[in-house]
Amino acid sequence: MDIANRIIELRESVGENRKEFSLHTGIPVRTLEDWEAGRRNPPEYIPRLIAYQLEYEKLTKKKKG
C-alpha cells in the first residue's frame, strides 16, 4: 500500500473529513490534501506515528469508559 492510501485509510478509520483530521492530528489541511493526492510524500514514519496516536486514543478511551 502506498503512503497516500495509508493516510486516507487512517483518516477514514476515525470517520473524519480532512479538516477534522487536520484538527485532530495537527497536520495542516493543505498538507493532508497533498499527501492524499500523491503530490507530496510525508516522511515514511508519519503514517506510523498517526496510527500509533489513533490506537493510543482508542485504548485510553476504553479504559475511561
N, C-alpha and C. Protein backbone atom coordinates (compact mmCIF):
# COMPACT_ATOMS: atom_id res chain seq x y z
N MET A 1 0.85 -1.18 0.00
CA MET A 1 0.00 0.00 0.00
C MET A 1 0.90 1.24 0.00
N ASP A 2 0.56 2.18 -0.83
CA ASP A 2 1.37 3.39 -0.86
C ASP A 2 0.97 4.34 0.27
N ILE A 3 1.81 5.32 0.50
CA ILE A 3 1.62 6.23 1.64
C ILE A 3 0.32 7.02 1.51
N ALA A 4 -0.02 7.46 0.30
CA ALA A 4 -1.26 8.23 0.11
C ALA A 4 -2.47 7.43 0.55
N ASN A 5 -2.54 6.18 0.14
CA ASN A 5 -3.68 5.34 0.53
C ASN A 5 -3.68 5.05 2.02
N ARG A 6 -2.51 4.92 2.61
CA ARG A 6 -2.42 4.67 4.05
C ARG A 6 -2.96 5.87 4.84
N ILE A 7 -2.61 7.07 4.41
CA ILE A 7 -3.11 8.28 5.09
C ILE A 7 -4.63 8.35 4.96
N ILE A 8 -5.15 8.07 3.78
CA ILE A 8 -6.61 8.08 3.58
C ILE A 8 -7.27 7.03 4.47
N GLU A 9 -6.69 5.85 4.51
CA GLU A 9 -7.24 4.76 5.33
C GLU A 9 -7.27 5.15 6.81
N LEU A 10 -6.21 5.76 7.29
CA LEU A 10 -6.17 6.19 8.70
C LEU A 10 -7.23 7.24 8.98
N ARG A 11 -7.37 8.21 8.08
CA ARG A 11 -8.37 9.26 8.27
C ARG A 11 -9.78 8.67 8.28
N GLU A 12 -10.04 7.79 7.34
CA GLU A 12 -11.37 7.20 7.24
C GLU A 12 -11.67 6.26 8.40
N SER A 13 -10.63 5.69 9.00
CA SER A 13 -10.84 4.76 10.12
C SER A 13 -11.46 5.46 11.33
N VAL A 14 -11.25 6.76 11.43
CA VAL A 14 -11.86 7.52 12.53
C VAL A 14 -13.08 8.32 12.06
N GLY A 15 -13.44 8.16 10.79
CA GLY A 15 -14.65 8.78 10.26
C GLY A 15 -14.59 10.29 10.19
N GLU A 16 -13.42 10.82 9.87
CA GLU A 16 -13.28 12.27 9.81
C GLU A 16 -12.98 12.74 8.39
N ASN A 17 -13.44 13.96 8.09
CA ASN A 17 -13.05 14.55 6.81
C ASN A 17 -11.66 15.17 6.99
N ARG A 18 -11.12 15.75 5.94
CA ARG A 18 -9.75 16.28 6.03
C ARG A 18 -9.61 17.39 7.07
N LYS A 19 -10.59 18.27 7.13
CA LYS A 19 -10.50 19.37 8.10
C LYS A 19 -10.52 18.84 9.53
N GLU A 20 -11.42 17.91 9.81
CA GLU A 20 -11.50 17.33 11.15
C GLU A 20 -10.21 16.58 11.50
N PHE A 21 -9.70 15.82 10.53
CA PHE A 21 -8.47 15.06 10.75
C PHE A 21 -7.28 16.00 10.95
N SER A 22 -7.30 17.12 10.25
CA SER A 22 -6.26 18.13 10.42
C SER A 22 -6.26 18.66 11.85
N LEU A 23 -7.42 19.00 12.36
CA LEU A 23 -7.52 19.48 13.74
C LEU A 23 -7.13 18.39 14.73
N HIS A 24 -7.51 17.17 14.44
CA HIS A 24 -7.24 16.03 15.31
C HIS A 24 -5.75 15.75 15.42
N THR A 25 -5.04 15.80 14.29
CA THR A 25 -3.63 15.42 14.26
C THR A 25 -2.66 16.58 14.31
N GLY A 26 -3.14 17.79 14.03
CA GLY A 26 -2.26 18.95 13.98
C GLY A 26 -1.52 19.09 12.67
N ILE A 27 -1.95 18.36 11.65
CA ILE A 27 -1.33 18.44 10.33
C ILE A 27 -2.17 19.40 9.49
N PRO A 28 -1.57 20.39 8.85
CA PRO A 28 -2.35 21.33 8.05
C PRO A 28 -3.19 20.64 6.96
N VAL A 29 -4.38 21.17 6.71
CA VAL A 29 -5.29 20.59 5.72
C VAL A 29 -4.61 20.48 4.36
N ARG A 30 -3.93 21.53 3.95
CA ARG A 30 -3.28 21.52 2.63
C ARG A 30 -2.24 20.40 2.53
N THR A 31 -1.53 20.15 3.61
CA THR A 31 -0.55 19.07 3.64
C THR A 31 -1.24 17.72 3.48
N LEU A 32 -2.34 17.53 4.22
CA LEU A 32 -3.10 16.28 4.08
C LEU A 32 -3.60 16.10 2.65
N GLU A 33 -4.12 17.17 2.07
CA GLU A 33 -4.60 17.10 0.69
C GLU A 33 -3.47 16.68 -0.26
N ASP A 34 -2.31 17.29 -0.10
CA ASP A 34 -1.17 16.95 -0.96
C ASP A 34 -0.72 15.51 -0.76
N TRP A 35 -0.67 15.06 0.48
CA TRP A 35 -0.28 13.67 0.76
C TRP A 35 -1.28 12.70 0.15
N GLU A 36 -2.58 12.95 0.36
CA GLU A 36 -3.60 12.03 -0.13
C GLU A 36 -3.66 12.01 -1.66
N ALA A 37 -3.35 13.13 -2.29
CA ALA A 37 -3.37 13.20 -3.76
C ALA A 37 -2.07 12.68 -4.36
N GLY A 38 -1.07 12.42 -3.52
CA GLY A 38 0.21 11.94 -4.01
C GLY A 38 1.09 13.01 -4.60
N ARG A 39 0.74 14.28 -4.37
CA ARG A 39 1.57 15.38 -4.88
C ARG A 39 2.84 15.54 -4.05
N ARG A 40 2.75 15.18 -2.79
CA ARG A 40 3.90 15.21 -1.89
C ARG A 40 3.85 13.95 -1.04
N ASN A 41 5.00 13.54 -0.56
CA ASN A 41 5.06 12.37 0.31
C ASN A 41 5.60 12.77 1.67
N PRO A 42 4.91 12.32 2.73
CA PRO A 42 5.43 12.61 4.07
C PRO A 42 6.63 11.70 4.34
N PRO A 43 7.41 12.02 5.33
CA PRO A 43 8.44 11.07 5.73
C PRO A 43 7.78 9.73 6.06
N GLU A 44 8.49 8.65 5.85
CA GLU A 44 7.88 7.32 5.99
C GLU A 44 7.37 7.01 7.39
N TYR A 45 7.89 7.68 8.40
CA TYR A 45 7.46 7.40 9.77
C TYR A 45 6.12 8.07 10.12
N ILE A 46 5.68 9.04 9.34
CA ILE A 46 4.46 9.79 9.66
C ILE A 46 3.21 8.90 9.72
N PRO A 47 2.95 8.04 8.73
CA PRO A 47 1.76 7.19 8.86
C PRO A 47 1.82 6.30 10.11
N ARG A 48 3.01 5.83 10.47
CA ARG A 48 3.13 5.01 11.68
C ARG A 48 2.81 5.83 12.93
N LEU A 49 3.31 7.07 12.99
CA LEU A 49 3.02 7.92 14.14
C LEU A 49 1.52 8.22 14.26
N ILE A 50 0.89 8.49 13.13
CA ILE A 50 -0.56 8.74 13.15
C ILE A 50 -1.29 7.49 13.63
N ALA A 51 -0.90 6.33 13.13
CA ALA A 51 -1.53 5.08 13.54
C ALA A 51 -1.35 4.85 15.03
N TYR A 52 -0.15 5.12 15.55
CA TYR A 52 0.09 4.96 16.99
C TYR A 52 -0.78 5.92 17.79
N GLN A 53 -0.89 7.16 17.32
CA GLN A 53 -1.72 8.15 18.01
C GLN A 53 -3.18 7.68 18.07
N LEU A 54 -3.70 7.23 16.94
CA LEU A 54 -5.10 6.80 16.90
C LEU A 54 -5.34 5.58 17.77
N GLU A 55 -4.39 4.64 17.77
CA GLU A 55 -4.51 3.44 18.60
C GLU A 55 -4.44 3.81 20.08
N TYR A 56 -3.54 4.69 20.44
CA TYR A 56 -3.42 5.14 21.82
C TYR A 56 -4.72 5.79 22.29
N GLU A 57 -5.28 6.64 21.46
CA GLU A 57 -6.54 7.31 21.81
C GLU A 57 -7.66 6.29 21.99
N LYS A 58 -7.68 5.28 21.13
CA LYS A 58 -8.72 4.25 21.23
C LYS A 58 -8.57 3.47 22.53
N LEU A 59 -7.34 3.11 22.89
CA LEU A 59 -7.09 2.36 24.11
C LEU A 59 -7.40 3.17 25.36
N THR A 60 -7.05 4.45 25.37
CA THR A 60 -7.31 5.25 26.55
C THR A 60 -8.80 5.55 26.72
N LYS A 61 -9.54 5.63 25.63
CA LYS A 61 -10.98 5.82 25.74
C LYS A 61 -11.64 4.61 26.36
N LYS A 62 -11.18 3.40 26.01
CA LYS A 62 -11.75 2.17 26.56
C LYS A 62 -11.53 2.10 28.06
N LYS A 63 -10.37 2.54 28.53
CA LYS A 63 -10.08 2.49 29.96
C LYS A 63 -10.93 3.48 30.75
N LYS A 64 -11.23 4.64 30.15
CA LYS A 64 -12.02 5.65 30.83
C LYS A 64 -13.49 5.30 30.85
N GLY A 65 -13.96 4.67 29.78
CA GLY A 65 -15.39 4.44 29.61
C GLY A 65 -15.87 3.17 30.03
